């Protein structure tokens, strides 16, 4: 058994055991994952607005650099993030360590509580003085309007690529031994997908909820139907990118008898 397969099977067994033992604890860990990404999103938004007043071209760089910290929090504190679980659980199903029906149930439950965590933190931030100063020119409002204007095909394809970047970060964190190397891989991989404005479902939960609770009225395209459309398409795109292109692909690659494996 390759180190990759061993780590995938251990991770799947741990996640499934917690899910079976306590839905409440699994739900709270999922809430924390959504909350951590909302925290880094909230700070990145304000930093981007502040920097843009003097250096407009640096706003996007600033947001992406700060947002990347959120995933590092998720990994350090064992949050249950739906988009990384797409890789873990799909690979585990490929190895026949968990049923696909259980994978689907766990991903839907995890996604729901990632959203709950994002909603709660977004509401808290929007009670603050700073967030009462948001306007229709703010970084988050423009970002949400851009995402909601994309076609389903764009959202699906960008959902695939976004979760490939995310799971490069997760695989790096899982396989690398040096802490500095882990930090570098996580931050750079997340920076890349955010800078490309690719579509990551839980990141979208964060930005959409921060915009939705803001004092800004009439956000273009921000309707229940359009938001749910975007989230649904991105969910499946993320699953293809993280589950098929990363999880199952690397599970298959590590079944070789040669030493050409992830170690």
C-alpha atoms as a PDB file:
ATOM      1  CA  UNK A   1       0.000   0.000   0.000  1.00  0.00           C
ATOM      2  CA  UNK A   2       1.365   3.426  -0.954  1.00  0.00           C
ATOM      3  CA  UNK A   3       1.662   6.209   1.656  1.00  0.00           C
ATOM      4  CA  UNK A   4      -0.993   8.125  -0.305  1.00  0.00           C
ATOM      5  CA  UNK A   5      -3.482   5.257  -0.087  1.00  0.00           C
ATOM      6  CA  UNK A   6      -2.733   4.716   3.582  1.00  0.00           C
ATOM      7  CA  UNK A   7      -3.322   8.376   4.435  1.00  0.00           C
ATOM      8  CA  UNK A   8      -6.506   8.532   2.369  1.00  0.00           C
ATOM      9  CA  UNK A   9      -7.913   5.433   4.075  1.00  0.00           C
ATOM     10  CA  UNK A  10      -7.017   6.714   7.536  1.00  0.00           C
ATOM     11  CA  UNK A  11      -8.603  10.097   6.801  1.00  0.00           C
ATOM     12  CA  UNK A  12     -11.784   8.528   5.397  1.00  0.00           C
ATOM     13  CA  UNK A  13     -12.100   6.169   8.367  1.00  0.00           C
ATOM     14  CA  UNK A  14     -11.701   9.078  10.803  1.00  0.00           C
ATOM     15  CA  UNK A  15     -14.248  11.245   9.009  1.00  0.00           C
ATOM     16  CA  UNK A  16     -16.794   8.453   8.649  1.00  0.00           C
ATOM     17  CA  UNK A  17     -16.376   7.412  12.289  1.00  0.00           C
ATOM     18  CA  UNK A  18     -17.076  10.951  13.516  1.00  0.00           C
ATOM     19  CA  UNK A  19     -20.037  11.277  11.148  1.00  0.00           C
ATOM     20  CA  UNK A  20     -21.523   7.988  12.445  1.00  0.00           C
ATOM     21  CA  UNK A  21     -20.768   8.707  16.095  1.00  0.00           C
ATOM     22  CA  UNK A  22     -21.916  12.314  16.345  1.00  0.00           C
ATOM     23  CA  UNK A  23     -23.638  14.329  13.656  1.00  0.00           C
ATOM     24  CA  UNK A  24     -23.477  17.306  16.011  1.00  0.00           C
ATOM     25  CA  UNK A  25     -19.675  17.191  16.299  1.00  0.00           C
ATOM     26  CA  UNK A  26     -19.281  16.625  12.563  1.00  0.00           C
ATOM     27  CA  UNK A  27     -21.617  19.533  11.932  1.00  0.00           C
ATOM     28  CA  UNK A  28     -19.690  21.856  14.239  1.00  0.00           C
ATOM     29  CA  UNK A  29     -16.361  20.955  12.606  1.00  0.00           C
ATOM     30  CA  UNK A  30     -18.007  21.746   9.269  1.00  0.00           C
ATOM     31  CA  UNK A  31     -19.299  25.043  10.645  1.00  0.00           C
ATOM     32  CA  UNK A  32     -15.792  25.967  11.768  1.00  0.00           C
ATOM     33  CA  UNK A  33     -14.437  25.308   8.260  1.00  0.00           C
ATOM     34  CA  UNK A  34     -17.017  27.662   6.748  1.00  0.00           C
ATOM     35  CA  UNK A  35     -16.332  30.187   9.500  1.00  0.00           C
ATOM     36  CA  UNK A  36     -12.536  30.172   9.000  1.00  0.00           C
ATOM     37  CA  UNK A  37     -12.898  30.926   5.296  1.00  0.00           C
ATOM     38  CA  UNK A  38     -15.417  33.653   6.075  1.00  0.00           C
ATOM     39  CA  UNK A  39     -13.000  35.227   8.557  1.00  0.00           C
ATOM     40  CA  UNK A  40     -10.156  35.478   6.057  1.00  0.00           C
ATOM     41  CA  UNK A  41     -12.583  36.638   3.358  1.00  0.00           C
ATOM     42  CA  UNK A  42     -13.944  39.370   5.615  1.00  0.00           C
ATOM     43  CA  UNK A  43     -10.481  40.746   6.394  1.00  0.00           C
ATOM     44  CA  UNK A  44      -9.327  40.419   2.777  1.00  0.00           C
ATOM     45  CA  UNK A  45     -12.315  42.402   1.546  1.00  0.00           C
ATOM     46  CA  UNK A  46     -11.601  45.357   3.803  1.00  0.00           C
ATOM     47  CA  UNK A  47      -7.871  45.255   3.043  1.00  0.00           C
ATOM     48  CA  UNK A  48      -8.615  45.262  -0.692  1.00  0.00           C
ATOM     49  CA  UNK A  49     -10.921  48.274  -0.309  1.00  0.00           C
ATOM     50  CA  UNK A  50      -8.315  50.146   1.717  1.00  0.00           C
ATOM     51  CA  UNK A  51      -5.385  49.413  -0.604  1.00  0.00           C
ATOM     52  CA  UNK A  52      -7.468  50.225  -3.701  1.00  0.00           C
ATOM     53  CA  UNK A  53      -7.984  53.811  -2.599  1.00  0.00           C
ATOM     54  CA  UNK A  54      -4.288  54.484  -3.262  1.00  0.00           C
ATOM     55  CA  UNK A  55      -3.227  51.575  -5.501  1.00  0.00           C
ATOM     56  CA  UNK A  56      -6.245  50.201  -7.393  1.00  0.00           C
ATOM     57  CA  UNK A  57      -4.308  47.400  -9.099  1.00  0.00           C
ATOM     58  CA  UNK A  58      -3.134  45.980  -5.748  1.00  0.00           C
ATOM     59  CA  UNK A  59      -6.577  45.352  -4.272  1.00  0.00           C
ATOM     60  CA  UNK A  60      -6.936  41.941  -5.865  1.00  0.00           C
ATOM     61  CA  UNK A  61      -3.429  40.890  -4.809  1.00  0.00           C
ATOM     62  CA  UNK A  62      -4.140  41.921  -1.234  1.00  0.00           C
ATOM     63  CA  UNK A  63      -7.425  40.008  -1.029  1.00  0.00           C
ATOM     64  CA  UNK A  64      -5.979  36.790  -2.460  1.00  0.00           C
ATOM     65  CA  UNK A  65      -2.992  36.808  -0.096  1.00  0.00           C
ATOM     66  CA  UNK A  66      -5.171  37.211   2.993  1.00  0.00           C
ATOM     67  CA  UNK A  67      -7.888  34.784   1.875  1.00  0.00           C
ATOM     68  CA  UNK A  68      -5.332  31.957   1.568  1.00  0.00           C
ATOM     69  CA  UNK A  69      -4.776  32.038   5.329  1.00  0.00           C
ATOM     70  CA  UNK A  70      -8.313  30.742   5.868  1.00  0.00           C
ATOM     71  CA  UNK A  71      -7.608  27.333   4.340  1.00  0.00           C
ATOM     72  CA  UNK A  72      -4.503  27.014   6.477  1.00  0.00           C
ATOM     73  CA  UNK A  73      -6.718  27.516   9.543  1.00  0.00           C
ATOM     74  CA  UNK A  74      -9.061  24.791   8.287  1.00  0.00           C
ATOM     75  CA  UNK A  75      -6.191  22.323   7.856  1.00  0.00           C
ATOM     76  CA  UNK A  76      -4.488  23.098  11.178  1.00  0.00           C
ATOM     77  CA  UNK A  77      -7.666  22.900  13.249  1.00  0.00           C
ATOM     78  CA  UNK A  78      -9.219  19.858  11.502  1.00  0.00           C
ATOM     79  CA  UNK A  79     -12.205  21.616   9.998  1.00  0.00           C
ATOM     80  CA  UNK A  80     -14.472  19.591   7.741  1.00  0.00           C
ATOM     81  CA  UNK A  81     -14.417  21.381   4.389  1.00  0.00           C
ATOM     82  CA  UNK A  82     -16.726  19.970   1.709  1.00  0.00           C
ATOM     83  CA  UNK A  83     -14.374  20.710  -1.186  1.00  0.00           C
ATOM     84  CA  UNK A  84     -11.399  18.882   0.366  1.00  0.00           C
ATOM     85  CA  UNK A  85     -13.686  16.050   1.448  1.00  0.00           C
ATOM     86  CA  UNK A  86     -14.606  15.648  -2.207  1.00  0.00           C
ATOM     87  CA  UNK A  87     -11.021  14.521  -2.785  1.00  0.00           C
ATOM     88  CA  UNK A  88     -10.668  12.395   0.360  1.00  0.00           C
ATOM     89  CA  UNK A  89     -14.026  10.645   0.154  1.00  0.00           C
ATOM     90  CA  UNK A  90     -13.994  10.090  -3.624  1.00  0.00           C
ATOM     91  CA  UNK A  91     -10.551   8.490  -3.370  1.00  0.00           C
ATOM     92  CA  UNK A  92     -11.808   6.420  -0.441  1.00  0.00           C
ATOM     93  CA  UNK A  93     -14.792   5.259  -2.497  1.00  0.00           C
ATOM     94  CA  UNK A  94     -12.430   4.328  -5.340  1.00  0.00           C
ATOM     95  CA  UNK A  95     -10.491   2.172  -2.860  1.00  0.00           C
ATOM     96  CA  UNK A  96     -13.835   0.673  -1.734  1.00  0.00           C
ATOM     97  CA  UNK A  97     -13.401   1.896   1.834  1.00  0.00           C
ATOM     98  CA  UNK A  98     -16.650   3.869   1.812  1.00  0.00           C
ATOM     99  CA  UNK A  99     -19.831   3.604  -0.235  1.00  0.00           C
ATOM    100  CA  UNK A 100     -20.687   6.268  -2.798  1.00  0.00           C
ATOM    101  CA  UNK A 101     -24.095   6.747  -1.164  1.00  0.00           C
ATOM    102  CA  UNK A 102     -22.321   7.546   2.125  1.00  0.00           C
ATOM    103  CA  UNK A 103     -19.916   9.881   0.309  1.00  0.00           C
ATOM    104  CA  UNK A 104     -22.847  11.826  -1.149  1.00  0.00           C
ATOM    105  CA  UNK A 105     -24.639  12.037   2.204  1.00  0.00           C
ATOM    106  CA  UNK A 106     -21.503  13.228   4.020  1.00  0.00           C
ATOM    107  CA  UNK A 107     -20.705  15.836   1.365  1.00  0.00           C
ATOM    108  CA  UNK A 108     -24.216  17.275   1.430  1.00  0.00           C
ATOM    109  CA  UNK A 109     -24.217  17.408   5.237  1.00  0.00           C
ATOM    110  CA  UNK A 110     -20.757  18.970   5.316  1.00  0.00           C
ATOM    111  CA  UNK A 111     -21.725  21.536   2.669  1.00  0.00           C
ATOM    112  CA  UNK A 112     -24.861  22.510   4.592  1.00  0.00           C
ATOM    113  CA  UNK A 113     -22.921  23.194   7.791  1.00  0.00           C
ATOM    114  CA  UNK A 114     -20.113  24.970   5.927  1.00  0.00           C
ATOM    115  CA  UNK A 115     -22.896  27.312   4.816  1.00  0.00           C
ATOM    116  CA  UNK A 116     -24.258  27.641   8.365  1.00  0.00           C
ATOM    117  CA  UNK A 117     -20.786  28.610   9.602  1.00  0.00           C
ATOM    118  CA  UNK A 118     -20.406  31.153   6.802  1.00  0.00           C
ATOM    119  CA  UNK A 119     -23.839  32.667   7.493  1.00  0.00           C
ATOM    120  CA  UNK A 120     -23.154  33.032  11.213  1.00  0.00           C
ATOM    121  CA  UNK A 121     -19.749  34.699  10.808  1.00  0.00           C
ATOM    122  CA  UNK A 122     -20.962  36.919   7.951  1.00  0.00           C
ATOM    123  CA  UNK A 123     -23.842  38.122  10.116  1.00  0.00           C
ATOM    124  CA  UNK A 124     -21.472  38.832  13.016  1.00  0.00           C
ATOM    125  CA  UNK A 125     -19.088  40.834  10.836  1.00  0.00           C
ATOM    126  CA  UNK A 126     -21.943  42.854   9.412  1.00  0.00           C
ATOM    127  CA  UNK A 127     -22.932  44.022  12.899  1.00  0.00           C
ATOM    128  CA  UNK A 128     -19.595  45.846  13.146  1.00  0.00           C
ATOM    129  CA  UNK A 129     -18.979  49.530  12.445  1.00  0.00           C
ATOM    130  CA  UNK A 130     -16.484  48.747   9.674  1.00  0.00           C
ATOM    131  CA  UNK A 131     -18.902  46.638   7.665  1.00  0.00           C
ATOM    132  CA  UNK A 132     -21.586  49.294   7.910  1.00  0.00           C
ATOM    133  CA  UNK A 133     -19.295  51.413   5.701  1.00  0.00           C
ATOM    134  CA  UNK A 134     -19.475  49.063   2.696  1.00  0.00           C
ATOM    135  CA  UNK A 135     -20.775  50.637  -0.510  1.00  0.00           C
ATOM    136  CA  UNK A 136     -21.708  49.432  -3.970  1.00  0.00           C
ATOM    137  CA  UNK A 137     -18.088  50.139  -4.972  1.00  0.00           C
ATOM    138  CA  UNK A 138     -16.659  47.717  -2.402  1.00  0.00           C
ATOM    139  CA  UNK A 139     -14.537  44.781  -3.525  1.00  0.00           C
ATOM    140  CA  UNK A 140     -16.964  42.131  -2.254  1.00  0.00           C
ATOM    141  CA  UNK A 141     -19.993  43.645  -3.997  1.00  0.00           C
ATOM    142  CA  UNK A 142     -18.223  43.784  -7.351  1.00  0.00           C
ATOM    143  CA  UNK A 143     -16.885  40.254  -6.876  1.00  0.00           C
ATOM    144  CA  UNK A 144     -20.323  38.812  -6.102  1.00  0.00           C
ATOM    145  CA  UNK A 145     -21.923  40.595  -9.061  1.00  0.00           C
ATOM    146  CA  UNK A 146     -19.211  39.223 -11.349  1.00  0.00           C
ATOM    147  CA  UNK A 147     -19.740  35.667 -10.098  1.00  0.00           C
ATOM    148  CA  UNK A 148     -23.507  35.864 -10.483  1.00  0.00           C
ATOM    149  CA  UNK A 149     -23.159  37.128 -14.057  1.00  0.00           C
ATOM    150  CA  UNK A 150     -21.195  34.074 -15.206  1.00  0.00           C
ATOM    151  CA  UNK A 151     -22.830  31.379 -17.318  1.00  0.00           C
ATOM    152  CA  UNK A 152     -23.373  27.872 -15.959  1.00  0.00           C
ATOM    153  CA  UNK A 153     -20.587  26.584 -18.201  1.00  0.00           C
ATOM    154  CA  UNK A 154     -18.133  29.146 -16.848  1.00  0.00           C
ATOM    155  CA  UNK A 155     -19.122  28.323 -13.275  1.00  0.00           C
ATOM    156  CA  UNK A 156     -18.772  24.588 -13.885  1.00  0.00           C
ATOM    157  CA  UNK A 157     -15.349  24.799 -15.543  1.00  0.00           C
ATOM    158  CA  UNK A 158     -14.035  27.309 -13.017  1.00  0.00           C
ATOM    159  CA  UNK A 159     -15.414  25.097 -10.248  1.00  0.00           C
ATOM    160  CA  UNK A 160     -13.268  22.257 -11.583  1.00  0.00           C
ATOM    161  CA  UNK A 161     -10.073  24.284 -11.739  1.00  0.00           C
ATOM    162  CA  UNK A 162     -10.651  26.000  -8.389  1.00  0.00           C
ATOM    163  CA  UNK A 163     -10.940  22.708  -6.544  1.00  0.00           C
ATOM    164  CA  UNK A 164      -7.911  21.298  -8.314  1.00  0.00           C
ATOM    165  CA  UNK A 165      -5.906  24.173  -6.816  1.00  0.00           C
ATOM    166  CA  UNK A 166      -7.507  23.650  -3.402  1.00  0.00           C
ATOM    167  CA  UNK A 167      -6.693  19.958  -3.351  1.00  0.00           C
ATOM    168  CA  UNK A 168      -3.143  20.582  -4.505  1.00  0.00           C
ATOM    169  CA  UNK A 169      -2.913  22.565  -1.262  1.00  0.00           C
ATOM    170  CA  UNK A 170      -4.560  19.742   0.710  1.00  0.00           C
ATOM    171  CA  UNK A 171      -2.340  17.051  -0.829  1.00  0.00           C
ATOM    172  CA  UNK A 172       0.741  19.154  -0.169  1.00  0.00           C
ATOM    173  CA  UNK A 173      -0.284  19.614   3.451  1.00  0.00           C
ATOM    174  CA  UNK A 174      -0.971  15.885   3.774  1.00  0.00           C
ATOM    175  CA  UNK A 175       2.230  14.601   2.140  1.00  0.00           C
ATOM    176  CA  UNK A 176       4.894  17.181   3.005  1.00  0.00           C
ATOM    177  CA  UNK A 177       6.773  16.888   6.281  1.00  0.00           C
ATOM    178  CA  UNK A 178       8.337  20.342   6.647  1.00  0.00           C
ATOM    179  CA  UNK A 179       5.951  22.944   8.075  1.00  0.00           C
ATOM    180  CA  UNK A 180       7.448  25.749   5.987  1.00  0.00           C
ATOM    181  CA  UNK A 181       6.910  23.706   2.821  1.00  0.00           C
ATOM    182  CA  UNK A 182       3.286  23.060   3.827  1.00  0.00           C
ATOM    183  CA  UNK A 183       2.668  26.762   4.329  1.00  0.00           C
ATOM    184  CA  UNK A 184       4.214  27.605   0.955  1.00  0.00           C
ATOM    185  CA  UNK A 185       2.145  25.054  -0.978  1.00  0.00           C
ATOM    186  CA  UNK A 186      -1.125  25.954   0.740  1.00  0.00           C
ATOM    187  CA  UNK A 187      -0.740  29.715   0.364  1.00  0.00           C
ATOM    188  CA  UNK A 188       0.484  29.633  -3.248  1.00  0.00           C
ATOM    189  CA  UNK A 189      -2.142  27.151  -4.469  1.00  0.00           C
ATOM    190  CA  UNK A 190      -5.007  29.088  -2.886  1.00  0.00           C
ATOM    191  CA  UNK A 191      -3.592  32.411  -4.092  1.00  0.00           C
ATOM    192  CA  UNK A 192      -3.677  31.122  -7.674  1.00  0.00           C
ATOM    193  CA  UNK A 193      -7.318  30.062  -7.815  1.00  0.00           C
ATOM    194  CA  UNK A 194      -8.538  33.176  -6.011  1.00  0.00           C
ATOM    195  CA  UNK A 195      -6.509  35.481  -8.258  1.00  0.00           C
ATOM    196  CA  UNK A 196      -8.050  33.764 -11.296  1.00  0.00           C
ATOM    197  CA  UNK A 197     -11.518  34.436  -9.771  1.00  0.00           C
ATOM    198  CA  UNK A 198     -12.306  30.732 -10.116  1.00  0.00           C
ATOM    199  CA  UNK A 199     -15.327  29.309  -8.344  1.00  0.00           C
ATOM    200  CA  UNK A 200     -14.979  27.609  -4.949  1.00  0.00           C
ATOM    201  CA  UNK A 201     -18.297  26.841  -3.282  1.00  0.00           C
ATOM    202  CA  UNK A 202     -17.382  27.534   0.333  1.00  0.00           C
ATOM    203  CA  UNK A 203     -15.476  30.696  -0.593  1.00  0.00           C
ATOM    204  CA  UNK A 204     -18.634  31.773  -2.410  1.00  0.00           C
ATOM    205  CA  UNK A 205     -20.701  31.065   0.709  1.00  0.00           C
ATOM    206  CA  UNK A 206     -18.431  33.509   2.535  1.00  0.00           C
ATOM    207  CA  UNK A 207     -18.434  36.328  -0.031  1.00  0.00           C
ATOM    208  CA  UNK A 208     -22.134  35.996  -0.896  1.00  0.00           C
ATOM    209  CA  UNK A 209     -23.210  36.069   2.751  1.00  0.00           C
ATOM    210  CA  UNK A 210     -20.937  39.008   3.572  1.00  0.00           C
ATOM    211  CA  UNK A 211     -22.477  40.884   0.636  1.00  0.00           C
ATOM    212  CA  UNK A 212     -25.999  39.739   1.443  1.00  0.00           C
ATOM    213  CA  UNK A 213     -25.900  41.010   5.042  1.00  0.00           C
ATOM    214  CA  UNK A 214     -24.214  44.264   4.025  1.00  0.00           C
ATOM    215  CA  UNK A 215     -26.100  47.593   3.920  1.00  0.00           C
ATOM    216  CA  UNK A 216     -25.762  47.668   0.128  1.00  0.00           C
ATOM    217  CA  UNK A 217     -29.113  47.371  -1.643  1.00  0.00           C
ATOM    218  CA  UNK A 218     -29.853  46.114  -5.140  1.00  0.00           C
ATOM    219  CA  UNK A 219     -26.797  43.924  -5.733  1.00  0.00           C
ATOM    220  CA  UNK A 220     -27.111  43.005  -9.406  1.00  0.00           C
ATOM    221  CA  UNK A 221     -28.138  39.369  -9.902  1.00  0.00           C
ATOM    222  CA  UNK A 222     -28.420  38.707  -6.156  1.00  0.00           C
ATOM    223  CA  UNK A 223     -31.679  36.756  -6.088  1.00  0.00           C
ATOM    224  CA  UNK A 224     -32.414  33.476  -4.330  1.00  0.00           C
ATOM    225  CA  UNK A 225     -32.834  31.571  -7.592  1.00  0.00           C
ATOM    226  CA  UNK A 226     -29.665  32.962  -9.167  1.00  0.00           C
ATOM    227  CA  UNK A 227     -27.589  32.341  -6.040  1.00  0.00           C
ATOM    228  CA  UNK A 228     -28.832  28.738  -5.736  1.00  0.00           C
ATOM    229  CA  UNK A 229     -28.172  28.204  -9.453  1.00  0.00           C
ATOM    230  CA  UNK A 230     -24.598  29.390  -9.063  1.00  0.00           C
ATOM    231  CA  UNK A 231     -23.954  27.328  -5.936  1.00  0.00           C
ATOM    232  CA  UNK A 232     -25.428  24.152  -7.446  1.00  0.00           C
ATOM    233  CA  UNK A 233     -23.335  24.337 -10.617  1.00  0.00           C
ATOM    234  CA  UNK A 234     -20.183  25.167  -8.660  1.00  0.00           C
ATOM    235  CA  UNK A 235     -20.817  22.256  -6.269  1.00  0.00           C
ATOM    236  CA  UNK A 236     -20.725  19.765  -9.131  1.00  0.00           C
ATOM    237  CA  UNK A 237     -17.757  21.496 -10.756  1.00  0.00           C
ATOM    238  CA  UNK A 238     -15.849  21.350  -7.473  1.00  0.00           C
ATOM    239  CA  UNK A 239     -16.695  17.652  -7.084  1.00  0.00           C
ATOM    240  CA  UNK A 240     -15.384  16.867 -10.553  1.00  0.00           C
ATOM    241  CA  UNK A 241     -12.193  18.856  -9.937  1.00  0.00           C
ATOM    242  CA  UNK A 242     -11.515  17.602  -6.426  1.00  0.00           C
ATOM    243  CA  UNK A 243     -13.090  14.160  -6.603  1.00  0.00           C
ATOM    244  CA  UNK A 244     -12.275  12.957 -10.120  1.00  0.00           C
ATOM    245  CA  UNK A 245      -9.324  15.010 -11.336  1.00  0.00           C
ATOM    246  CA  UNK A 246      -7.449  14.918  -8.001  1.00  0.00           C
ATOM    247  CA  UNK A 247      -8.872  12.233  -5.693  1.00  0.00           C
ATOM    248  CA  UNK A 248      -9.623   9.365  -8.055  1.00  0.00           C
ATOM    249  CA  UNK A 249      -6.781  10.232 -10.424  1.00  0.00           C
ATOM    250  CA  UNK A 250      -4.160  10.066  -7.658  1.00  0.00           C
ATOM    251  CA  UNK A 251      -5.815   7.005  -6.115  1.00  0.00           C
ATOM    252  CA  UNK A 252      -5.386   5.233  -9.463  1.00  0.00           C
ATOM    253  CA  UNK A 253      -1.828   6.499  -9.951  1.00  0.00           C
ATOM    254  CA  UNK A 254      -0.804   5.160  -6.539  1.00  0.00           C
ATOM    255  CA  UNK A 255      -1.962   1.632  -7.257  1.00  0.00           C
ATOM    256  CA  UNK A 256       1.143   0.962  -9.346  1.00  0.00           C
ATOM    257  CA  UNK A 257       3.702  -1.637  -8.258  1.00  0.00           C
ATOM    258  CA  UNK A 258       6.550   0.714  -9.141  1.00  0.00           C
ATOM    259  CA  UNK A 259       8.009   3.318  -6.768  1.00  0.00           C
ATOM    260  CA  UNK A 260       6.561   6.151  -8.863  1.00  0.00           C
ATOM    261  CA  UNK A 261       4.058   7.133  -6.168  1.00  0.00           C
ATOM    262  CA  UNK A 262       3.300   9.989  -3.775  1.00  0.00           C
ATOM    263  CA  UNK A 263       5.275   9.432  -0.608  1.00  0.00           C
END
